Amino acid sequence: MPNNLETICIASKYIPLLDNLELKVIGSGCYDKNKNFYPSNWIKDNSLENISNKNHHFGTLTSHYWIWKNLLDNVDESKWIAICHYRRFWVKEGFENKTNEKNLKENILKNISKEFEGYDVLLPPQIDLRNTKKIKVLKKGFKNLIKDPLILFNKKKYTINLHFDLFHGYKFLERSIKVMGAEDQKDFDYYTKTSNTFHPFQIFISKPRVMKKLYEKTFLWIYECEKIFNNEDLTGYGRTRIYDFLAERYFSFWFVKYAKIKTLPFVFLELKNNEK
């Protein structure tokens, strides 16, 4: 069977094993790294048309932008494109619990079978926010609890919106939705305030035409978000990459709304890195 899948792995550190996996690897945040931080065979997100200078707050979005502007037009529409991260890899079905650092290369997904041709995108399983520990809500959700004390006793209220308030900034998600395009604003607001799950990590497998639409809508919105958060204190893990976290929720919403989706398992591996 001819290879019908092209995989692009986004990495923010140099991990030697990635050189041997027969993937395209894109080094994220090159604008802020010395020129030898990544090997010469890696794609650099500060090459060609890019927004690498925004990486501090955009995170993996600078790599997604590079893919959108410099790669998608050169990929045959019949091919699938897989986006993975240096710790999360798409592997053959049934091998997600059998894959480790030693056999990753042989188990990594290389083709999409015909049974998936009726779908637009393959996504990771959803995470369930109702598993958020109550102690986290108590520690981080003071403002939310003042407004609605029943949150603590009703896990149906553990929504995407609450989760974002707790970990990335109170009302940041709500404020960002107000600058979203009218065609998605109400639907996304409803999605974030009622859904207890979402497809995480911005990893997916899709076709170029679908990805172009996703990226166009995402970046139009994210640039508007930049304007309203420009003067905010965006420090600390939860806020530094605020636009990356916003896009993570939007990716899930957009795929659910606009695409025919199916979930696939992936493998999480904490690979050893070689800091330079």
C-alpha atoms as a PDB file:
ATOM      1  CA  MET A   1       0.000   0.000   0.000  1.00  0.00           C
ATOM      2  CA  PRO A   2       1.518   3.390  -0.995  1.00  0.00           C
ATOM      3  CA  ASN A   3       2.185   5.799   1.820  1.00  0.00           C
ATOM      4  CA  ASN A   4      -0.787   8.183   2.096  1.00  0.00           C
ATOM      5  CA  LEU A   5       0.265   9.912   5.321  1.00  0.00           C
ATOM      6  CA  GLU A   6       2.743  12.690   5.966  1.00  0.00           C
ATOM      7  CA  THR A   7       3.538  13.278   9.624  1.00  0.00           C
ATOM      8  CA  ILE A   8       4.851  16.540  11.038  1.00  0.00           C
ATOM      9  CA  CYS A   9       6.181  16.499  14.578  1.00  0.00           C
ATOM     10  CA  ILE A  10       6.322  19.783  16.498  1.00  0.00           C
ATOM     11  CA  ALA A  11       9.212  19.977  18.978  1.00  0.00           C
ATOM     12  CA  SER A  12      10.368  22.723  21.330  1.00  0.00           C
ATOM     13  CA  LYS A  13      13.575  20.933  22.323  1.00  0.00           C
ATOM     14  CA  TYR A  14      16.137  18.812  20.539  1.00  0.00           C
ATOM     15  CA  ILE A  15      15.478  15.091  20.951  1.00  0.00           C
ATOM     16  CA  PRO A  16      17.884  12.908  18.922  1.00  0.00           C
ATOM     17  CA  LEU A  17      15.385  10.053  18.532  1.00  0.00           C
ATOM     18  CA  LEU A  18      13.184  12.285  16.375  1.00  0.00           C
ATOM     19  CA  ASP A  19      15.904  12.250  13.699  1.00  0.00           C
ATOM     20  CA  ASN A  20      15.335   8.541  13.152  1.00  0.00           C
ATOM     21  CA  LEU A  21      11.548   8.311  12.968  1.00  0.00           C
ATOM     22  CA  GLU A  22      11.136   9.240   9.288  1.00  0.00           C
ATOM     23  CA  LEU A  23       8.987  12.243  10.182  1.00  0.00           C
ATOM     24  CA  LYS A  24       9.195  15.885   9.246  1.00  0.00           C
ATOM     25  CA  VAL A  25      10.204  17.667  12.436  1.00  0.00           C
ATOM     26  CA  ILE A  26       9.605  21.367  12.929  1.00  0.00           C
ATOM     27  CA  GLY A  27      11.579  23.179  15.596  1.00  0.00           C
ATOM     28  CA  SER A  28       9.350  25.582  17.510  1.00  0.00           C
ATOM     29  CA  GLY A  29      10.462  28.986  18.797  1.00  0.00           C
ATOM     30  CA  CYS A  30      13.565  29.330  16.616  1.00  0.00           C
ATOM     31  CA  TYR A  31      13.379  33.116  16.797  1.00  0.00           C
ATOM     32  CA  ASP A  32      14.491  32.943  20.440  1.00  0.00           C
ATOM     33  CA  LYS A  33      17.024  30.119  20.054  1.00  0.00           C
ATOM     34  CA  ASN A  34      20.587  30.117  18.729  1.00  0.00           C
ATOM     35  CA  LYS A  35      20.985  28.876  15.155  1.00  0.00           C
ATOM     36  CA  ASN A  36      22.477  25.528  16.234  1.00  0.00           C
ATOM     37  CA  PHE A  37      19.749  24.631  18.749  1.00  0.00           C
ATOM     38  CA  TYR A  38      18.074  22.316  16.219  1.00  0.00           C
ATOM     39  CA  PRO A  39      19.860  20.137  13.630  1.00  0.00           C
ATOM     40  CA  SER A  40      20.077  21.326  10.025  1.00  0.00           C
ATOM     41  CA  ASN A  41      17.628  18.694   8.760  1.00  0.00           C
ATOM     42  CA  TRP A  42      14.796  20.038  10.925  1.00  0.00           C
ATOM     43  CA  ILE A  43      12.334  22.626   9.651  1.00  0.00           C
ATOM     44  CA  LYS A  44      12.755  25.912  11.538  1.00  0.00           C
ATOM     45  CA  ASP A  45       9.632  27.891  12.385  1.00  0.00           C
ATOM     46  CA  ASN A  46      11.502  31.150  11.686  1.00  0.00           C
ATOM     47  CA  SER A  47      12.123  30.252   8.045  1.00  0.00           C
ATOM     48  CA  LEU A  48      10.072  31.373   5.022  1.00  0.00           C
ATOM     49  CA  GLU A  49       6.746  33.018   5.998  1.00  0.00           C
ATOM     50  CA  ASN A  50       6.544  32.831   9.767  1.00  0.00           C
ATOM     51  CA  ILE A  51       5.497  34.317  13.118  1.00  0.00           C
ATOM     52  CA  SER A  52       8.272  32.685  15.158  1.00  0.00           C
ATOM     53  CA  ASN A  53       8.802  35.942  17.066  1.00  0.00           C
ATOM     54  CA  LYS A  54       5.406  35.350  18.717  1.00  0.00           C
ATOM     55  CA  ASN A  55       6.371  31.918  20.045  1.00  0.00           C
ATOM     56  CA  HIS A  56       6.685  32.972  23.696  1.00  0.00           C
ATOM     57  CA  HIS A  57       2.915  33.454  23.944  1.00  0.00           C
ATOM     58  CA  PHE A  58       1.815  31.445  20.898  1.00  0.00           C
ATOM     59  CA  GLY A  59       3.642  28.174  21.654  1.00  0.00           C
ATOM     60  CA  THR A  60       2.917  25.505  19.041  1.00  0.00           C
ATOM     61  CA  LEU A  61       0.781  27.972  17.067  1.00  0.00           C
ATOM     62  CA  THR A  62       3.928  29.342  15.418  1.00  0.00           C
ATOM     63  CA  SER A  63       4.543  25.867  14.004  1.00  0.00           C
ATOM     64  CA  HIS A  64       0.925  25.483  12.918  1.00  0.00           C
ATOM     65  CA  TYR A  65       1.231  28.851  11.160  1.00  0.00           C
ATOM     66  CA  TRP A  66       4.380  27.701   9.351  1.00  0.00           C
ATOM     67  CA  ILE A  67       2.626  24.523   8.213  1.00  0.00           C
ATOM     68  CA  TRP A  68      -0.338  26.539   6.955  1.00  0.00           C
ATOM     69  CA  LYS A  69       1.674  29.120   5.031  1.00  0.00           C
ATOM     70  CA  ASN A  70       4.573  27.025   3.711  1.00  0.00           C
ATOM     71  CA  LEU A  71       3.561  23.382   3.473  1.00  0.00           C
ATOM     72  CA  LEU A  72      -0.126  22.738   2.828  1.00  0.00           C
ATOM     73  CA  ASP A  73      -0.153  24.030  -0.749  1.00  0.00           C
ATOM     74  CA  ASN A  74       2.587  21.552  -1.609  1.00  0.00           C
ATOM     75  CA  VAL A  75       0.796  18.438  -0.319  1.00  0.00           C
ATOM     76  CA  ASP A  76      -1.446  16.398  -2.590  1.00  0.00           C
ATOM     77  CA  GLU A  77      -5.080  16.694  -1.509  1.00  0.00           C
ATOM     78  CA  SER A  78      -5.399  12.910  -1.495  1.00  0.00           C
ATOM     79  CA  LYS A  79      -2.834  12.666   1.298  1.00  0.00           C
ATOM     80  CA  TRP A  80      -3.483  12.825   5.001  1.00  0.00           C
ATOM     81  CA  ILE A  81      -1.347  15.038   7.231  1.00  0.00           C
ATOM     82  CA  ALA A  82      -0.712  14.041  10.814  1.00  0.00           C
ATOM     83  CA  ILE A  83       0.307  16.607  13.425  1.00  0.00           C
ATOM     84  CA  CYS A  84       1.984  15.215  16.518  1.00  0.00           C
ATOM     85  CA  HIS A  85       4.204  16.506  19.316  1.00  0.00           C
ATOM     86  CA  TYR A  86       7.574  15.330  20.556  1.00  0.00           C
ATOM     87  CA  ARG A  87       5.828  13.511  23.428  1.00  0.00           C
ATOM     88  CA  ARG A  88       2.614  12.426  21.697  1.00  0.00           C
ATOM     89  CA  PHE A  89       2.733  10.171  18.669  1.00  0.00           C
ATOM     90  CA  TRP A  90       0.195   8.510  16.410  1.00  0.00           C
ATOM     91  CA  VAL A  91       0.844   4.775  16.331  1.00  0.00           C
ATOM     92  CA  LYS A  92      -0.762   1.780  14.673  1.00  0.00           C
ATOM     93  CA  GLU A  93      -4.094   0.802  16.179  1.00  0.00           C
ATOM     94  CA  GLY A  94      -3.684  -1.661  19.021  1.00  0.00           C
ATOM     95  CA  PHE A  95      -0.087  -0.604  19.711  1.00  0.00           C
ATOM     96  CA  GLU A  96      -0.731   2.387  21.973  1.00  0.00           C
ATOM     97  CA  ASN A  97      -0.057   0.266  25.093  1.00  0.00           C
ATOM     98  CA  LYS A  98       2.792  -1.676  23.524  1.00  0.00           C
ATOM     99  CA  THR A  99       4.927   1.179  22.280  1.00  0.00           C
ATOM    100  CA  ASN A 100       8.050   2.474  23.982  1.00  0.00           C
ATOM    101  CA  GLU A 101      11.122   4.446  23.010  1.00  0.00           C
ATOM    102  CA  LYS A 102      12.817   1.358  21.540  1.00  0.00           C
ATOM    103  CA  ASN A 103      10.011   0.239  19.229  1.00  0.00           C
ATOM    104  CA  LEU A 104       8.455   3.623  18.439  1.00  0.00           C
ATOM    105  CA  LYS A 105       9.862   3.722  14.909  1.00  0.00           C
ATOM    106  CA  GLU A 106       8.332   0.383  13.917  1.00  0.00           C
ATOM    107  CA  ASN A 107       4.970   1.148  15.563  1.00  0.00           C
ATOM    108  CA  ILE A 108       4.500   4.716  14.374  1.00  0.00           C
ATOM    109  CA  LEU A 109       1.532   5.251  12.068  1.00  0.00           C
ATOM    110  CA  LYS A 110       2.557   5.418   8.403  1.00  0.00           C
ATOM    111  CA  ASN A 111      -0.697   4.913   6.498  1.00  0.00           C
ATOM    112  CA  ILE A 112      -4.398   5.639   6.931  1.00  0.00           C
ATOM    113  CA  SER A 113      -6.560   2.676   5.977  1.00  0.00           C
ATOM    114  CA  LYS A 114      -9.524   2.958   3.601  1.00  0.00           C
ATOM    115  CA  GLU A 115     -11.981   2.564   6.476  1.00  0.00           C
ATOM    116  CA  PHE A 116     -11.232   6.182   7.487  1.00  0.00           C
ATOM    117  CA  GLU A 117     -11.741   7.745   4.059  1.00  0.00           C
ATOM    118  CA  GLY A 118     -15.277   8.826   4.980  1.00  0.00           C
ATOM    119  CA  TYR A 119     -13.937  11.056   7.757  1.00  0.00           C
ATOM    120  CA  ASP A 120     -12.453  14.551   7.599  1.00  0.00           C
ATOM    121  CA  VAL A 121     -10.290  14.335  10.683  1.00  0.00           C
ATOM    122  CA  LEU A 122      -8.976  11.823  13.209  1.00  0.00           C
ATOM    123  CA  LEU A 123      -8.636  13.194  16.736  1.00  0.00           C
ATOM    124  CA  PRO A 124      -7.303  12.068  20.117  1.00  0.00           C
ATOM    125  CA  PRO A 125      -9.909  10.903  22.645  1.00  0.00           C
ATOM    126  CA  GLN A 126     -11.548  13.669  24.643  1.00  0.00           C
ATOM    127  CA  ILE A 127     -10.396  14.511  28.144  1.00  0.00           C
ATOM    128  CA  ASP A 128     -13.099  14.653  30.805  1.00  0.00           C
ATOM    129  CA  LEU A 129     -12.963  17.837  32.880  1.00  0.00           C
ATOM    130  CA  ARG A 130     -15.274  16.336  35.490  1.00  0.00           C
ATOM    131  CA  ASN A 131     -12.157  14.545  36.726  1.00  0.00           C
ATOM    132  CA  THR A 132     -10.752  17.876  37.924  1.00  0.00           C
ATOM    133  CA  LYS A 133     -10.006  17.546  41.632  1.00  0.00           C
ATOM    134  CA  LYS A 134     -12.181  19.550  44.012  1.00  0.00           C
ATOM    135  CA  ILE A 135      -9.072  20.837  45.770  1.00  0.00           C
ATOM    136  CA  LYS A 136      -8.076  22.546  42.510  1.00  0.00           C
ATOM    137  CA  VAL A 137     -11.464  24.212  42.288  1.00  0.00           C
ATOM    138  CA  LEU A 138     -11.161  25.380  45.895  1.00  0.00           C
ATOM    139  CA  LYS A 139      -7.632  26.737  45.411  1.00  0.00           C
ATOM    140  CA  LYS A 140      -8.072  28.393  42.039  1.00  0.00           C
ATOM    141  CA  GLY A 141     -11.795  29.013  41.673  1.00  0.00           C
ATOM    142  CA  PHE A 142     -12.595  31.522  44.434  1.00  0.00           C
ATOM    143  CA  LYS A 143     -14.272  33.971  42.039  1.00  0.00           C
ATOM    144  CA  ASN A 144     -16.231  31.201  40.344  1.00  0.00           C
ATOM    145  CA  LEU A 145     -17.410  29.796  43.680  1.00  0.00           C
ATOM    146  CA  ILE A 146     -18.538  33.203  44.910  1.00  0.00           C
ATOM    147  CA  LYS A 147     -20.654  33.503  41.781  1.00  0.00           C
ATOM    148  CA  ASP A 148     -21.950  29.916  41.897  1.00  0.00           C
ATOM    149  CA  PRO A 149     -21.210  27.860  45.060  1.00  0.00           C
ATOM    150  CA  LEU A 150     -22.998  24.837  43.552  1.00  0.00           C
ATOM    151  CA  ILE A 151     -20.005  24.270  41.281  1.00  0.00           C
ATOM    152  CA  LEU A 152     -18.356  22.383  44.107  1.00  0.00           C
ATOM    153  CA  PHE A 153     -21.222  19.892  44.336  1.00  0.00           C
ATOM    154  CA  ASN A 154     -22.199  19.452  40.706  1.00  0.00           C
ATOM    155  CA  LYS A 155     -19.550  18.133  38.347  1.00  0.00           C
ATOM    156  CA  LYS A 156     -21.740  18.921  35.341  1.00  0.00           C
ATOM    157  CA  LYS A 157     -20.601  22.476  35.992  1.00  0.00           C
ATOM    158  CA  TYR A 158     -16.959  21.454  35.399  1.00  0.00           C
ATOM    159  CA  THR A 159     -17.052  22.890  31.901  1.00  0.00           C
ATOM    160  CA  ILE A 160     -14.389  24.034  29.445  1.00  0.00           C
ATOM    161  CA  ASN A 161     -15.093  27.587  30.550  1.00  0.00           C
ATOM    162  CA  LEU A 162     -14.629  26.828  34.257  1.00  0.00           C
ATOM    163  CA  HIS A 163     -11.473  24.842  33.552  1.00  0.00           C
ATOM    164  CA  PHE A 164     -10.003  27.746  31.572  1.00  0.00           C
ATOM    165  CA  ASP A 165     -10.889  30.172  34.379  1.00  0.00           C
ATOM    166  CA  LEU A 166      -9.103  27.969  36.895  1.00  0.00           C
ATOM    167  CA  PHE A 167      -5.886  27.386  34.997  1.00  0.00           C
ATOM    168  CA  HIS A 168      -5.459  30.192  32.463  1.00  0.00           C
ATOM    169  CA  GLY A 169      -7.109  33.342  33.763  1.00  0.00           C
ATOM    170  CA  TYR A 170     -10.521  34.265  35.117  1.00  0.00           C
ATOM    171  CA  LYS A 171     -12.865  35.387  32.307  1.00  0.00           C
ATOM    172  CA  PHE A 172     -10.050  35.197  29.735  1.00  0.00           C
ATOM    173  CA  LEU A 173     -11.965  32.700  27.613  1.00  0.00           C
ATOM    174  CA  GLU A 174     -15.227  34.650  27.884  1.00  0.00           C
ATOM    175  CA  ARG A 175     -13.492  37.865  26.878  1.00  0.00           C
ATOM    176  CA  SER A 176     -11.805  36.191  23.921  1.00  0.00           C
ATOM    177  CA  ILE A 177     -15.116  34.854  22.591  1.00  0.00           C
ATOM    178  CA  LYS A 178     -16.468  38.413  22.363  1.00  0.00           C
ATOM    179  CA  VAL A 179     -13.952  39.193  19.593  1.00  0.00           C
ATOM    180  CA  MET A 180     -14.670  36.002  17.639  1.00  0.00           C
ATOM    181  CA  GLY A 181     -16.352  36.078  14.245  1.00  0.00           C
ATOM    182  CA  ALA A 182     -20.154  36.103  14.345  1.00  0.00           C
ATOM    183  CA  GLU A 183     -20.461  32.752  12.563  1.00  0.00           C
ATOM    184  CA  ASP A 184     -18.876  30.923  15.531  1.00  0.00           C
ATOM    185  CA  GLN A 185     -19.317  33.223  18.506  1.00  0.00           C
ATOM    186  CA  LYS A 186     -22.613  31.910  19.901  1.00  0.00           C
ATOM    187  CA  ASP A 187     -21.815  28.276  19.142  1.00  0.00           C
ATOM    188  CA  PHE A 188     -18.367  28.446  20.733  1.00  0.00           C
ATOM    189  CA  ASP A 189     -19.737  30.244  23.781  1.00  0.00           C
ATOM    190  CA  TYR A 190     -22.363  27.518  24.205  1.00  0.00           C
ATOM    191  CA  TYR A 191     -19.770  24.779  23.633  1.00  0.00           C
ATOM    192  CA  THR A 192     -17.387  26.116  26.281  1.00  0.00           C
ATOM    193  CA  LYS A 193     -20.129  26.717  28.860  1.00  0.00           C
ATOM    194  CA  THR A 194     -21.868  23.355  28.484  1.00  0.00           C
ATOM    195  CA  SER A 195     -19.219  20.830  27.440  1.00  0.00           C
ATOM    196  CA  ASN A 196     -17.365  18.820  30.050  1.00  0.00           C
ATOM    197  CA  THR A 197     -14.965  17.334  27.492  1.00  0.00           C
ATOM    198  CA  PHE A 198     -12.799  18.384  24.558  1.00  0.00           C
ATOM    199  CA  HIS A 199     -10.212  16.909  22.176  1.00  0.00           C
ATOM    200  CA  PRO A 200      -6.865  18.160  23.546  1.00  0.00           C
ATOM    201  CA  PHE A 201      -3.272  18.909  22.506  1.00  0.00           C
ATOM    202  CA  GLN A 202      -3.847  20.295  18.975  1.00  0.00           C
ATOM    203  CA  ILE A 203      -2.822  16.975  17.478  1.00  0.00           C
ATOM    204  CA  PHE A 204      -4.878  15.549  14.641  1.00  0.00           C
ATOM    205  CA  ILE A 205      -4.819  13.795  11.274  1.00  0.00           C
ATOM    206  CA  SER A 206      -6.596  15.517   8.410  1.00  0.00           C
ATOM    207  CA  LYS A 207      -6.509  16.592   4.762  1.00  0.00           C
ATOM    208  CA  PRO A 208      -4.908  19.869   3.563  1.00  0.00           C
ATOM    209  CA  ARG A 209      -8.214  21.481   2.515  1.00  0.00           C
ATOM    210  CA  VAL A 210      -9.673  20.977   6.010  1.00  0.00           C
ATOM    211  CA  MET A 211      -6.558  22.256   7.744  1.00  0.00           C
ATOM    212  CA  LYS A 212      -6.482  25.426   5.643  1.00  0.00           C
ATOM    213  CA  LYS A 213     -10.006  26.313   6.763  1.00  0.00           C
ATOM    214  CA  LEU A 214      -9.175  25.569  10.399  1.00  0.00           C
ATOM    215  CA  TYR A 215      -6.023  27.670  10.379  1.00  0.00           C
ATOM    216  CA  GLU A 216      -7.628  30.616   8.598  1.00  0.00           C
ATOM    217  CA  LYS A 217     -10.414  30.855  11.165  1.00  0.00           C
ATOM    218  CA  THR A 218      -8.087  30.242  14.107  1.00  0.00           C
ATOM    219  CA  PHE A 219      -5.547  32.927  13.313  1.00  0.00           C
ATOM    220  CA  LEU A 220      -8.161  35.544  12.434  1.00  0.00           C
ATOM    221  CA  TRP A 221      -9.525  35.072  15.950  1.00  0.00           C
ATOM    222  CA  ILE A 222      -6.195  34.755  17.766  1.00  0.00           C
ATOM    223  CA  TYR A 223      -4.941  38.039  16.299  1.00  0.00           C
ATOM    224  CA  GLU A 224      -8.043  39.730  17.722  1.00  0.00           C
ATOM    225  CA  CYS A 225      -7.353  38.085  21.082  1.00  0.00           C
ATOM    226  CA  GLU A 226      -3.855  39.567  21.039  1.00  0.00           C
ATOM    227  CA  LYS A 227      -5.359  43.032  20.977  1.00  0.00           C
ATOM    228  CA  ILE A 228      -7.426  42.543  24.142  1.00  0.00           C
ATOM    229  CA  PHE A 229      -4.719  40.719  26.141  1.00  0.00           C
ATOM    230  CA  ASN A 230      -1.814  42.893  25.040  1.00  0.00           C
ATOM    231  CA  ASN A 231      -1.635  44.701  28.373  1.00  0.00           C
ATOM    232  CA  GLU A 232      -2.374  41.703  30.617  1.00  0.00           C
ATOM    233  CA  ASP A 233       0.172  40.036  32.872  1.00  0.00           C
ATOM    234  CA  LEU A 234       0.852  36.893  30.844  1.00  0.00           C
ATOM    235  CA  THR A 235       3.326  35.221  33.167  1.00  0.00           C
ATOM    236  CA  GLY A 236       3.281  31.755  34.714  1.00  0.00           C
ATOM    237  CA  TYR A 237       2.623  28.417  33.018  1.00  0.00           C
ATOM    238  CA  GLY A 238      -1.124  28.898  32.617  1.00  0.00           C
ATOM    239  CA  ARG A 239      -0.916  32.325  30.976  1.00  0.00           C
ATOM    240  CA  THR A 240       2.407  32.528  29.168  1.00  0.00           C
ATOM    241  CA  ARG A 241       1.111  30.482  26.226  1.00  0.00           C
ATOM    242  CA  ILE A 242      -2.418  31.855  26.499  1.00  0.00           C
ATOM    243  CA  TYR A 243      -3.063  31.907  22.745  1.00  0.00           C
ATOM    244  CA  ASP A 244      -1.970  28.289  22.426  1.00  0.00           C
ATOM    245  CA  PHE A 245      -4.457  27.284  25.130  1.00  0.00           C
ATOM    246  CA  LEU A 246      -7.250  29.292  23.501  1.00  0.00           C
ATOM    247  CA  ALA A 247      -6.556  27.645  20.143  1.00  0.00           C
ATOM    248  CA  GLU A 248      -6.525  24.206  21.750  1.00  0.00           C
ATOM    249  CA  ARG A 249     -10.173  24.645  22.773  1.00  0.00           C
ATOM    250  CA  TYR A 250     -11.093  26.201  19.451  1.00  0.00           C
ATOM    251  CA  PHE A 251      -9.501  23.390  17.419  1.00  0.00           C
ATOM    252  CA  SER A 252     -11.695  20.882  19.246  1.00  0.00           C
ATOM    253  CA  PHE A 253     -14.816  23.002  18.745  1.00  0.00           C
ATOM    254  CA  TRP A 254     -14.106  23.669  15.072  1.00  0.00           C
ATOM    255  CA  PHE A 255     -13.577  20.022  14.217  1.00  0.00           C
ATOM    256  CA  VAL A 256     -16.726  18.975  16.078  1.00  0.00           C
ATOM    257  CA  LYS A 257     -18.791  21.676  14.337  1.00  0.00           C
ATOM    258  CA  TYR A 258     -17.437  21.533  10.815  1.00  0.00           C
ATOM    259  CA  ALA A 259     -15.943  18.092  10.239  1.00  0.00           C
ATOM    260  CA  LYS A 260     -16.833  14.437  10.334  1.00  0.00           C
ATOM    261  CA  ILE A 261     -14.571  13.113  13.068  1.00  0.00           C
ATOM    262  CA  LYS A 262     -13.358   9.852  14.515  1.00  0.00           C
ATOM    263  CA  THR A 263     -11.062   9.324  17.472  1.00  0.00           C
ATOM    264  CA  LEU A 264      -7.811   7.403  17.431  1.00  0.00           C
ATOM    265  CA  PRO A 265      -5.551   6.546  20.365  1.00  0.00           C
ATOM    266  CA  PHE A 266      -2.047   7.960  20.600  1.00  0.00           C
ATOM    267  CA  VAL A 267       0.969   7.167  22.724  1.00  0.00           C
ATOM    268  CA  PHE A 268       2.577   9.498  25.278  1.00  0.00           C
ATOM    269  CA  LEU A 269       6.326   9.051  25.660  1.00  0.00           C
ATOM    270  CA  GLU A 270       8.638  11.226  27.742  1.00  0.00           C
ATOM    271  CA  LEU A 271      11.638  10.962  25.415  1.00  0.00           C
ATOM    272  CA  LYS A 272      15.118  11.837  26.597  1.00  0.00           C
ATOM    273  CA  ASN A 273      16.318  15.145  25.247  1.00  0.00           C
ATOM    274  CA  ASN A 274      19.744  16.521  24.506  1.00  0.00           C
ATOM    275  CA  GLU A 275      19.765  20.132  25.598  1.00  0.00           C
ATOM    276  CA  LYS A 276      22.206  22.368  23.712  1.00  0.00           C
END
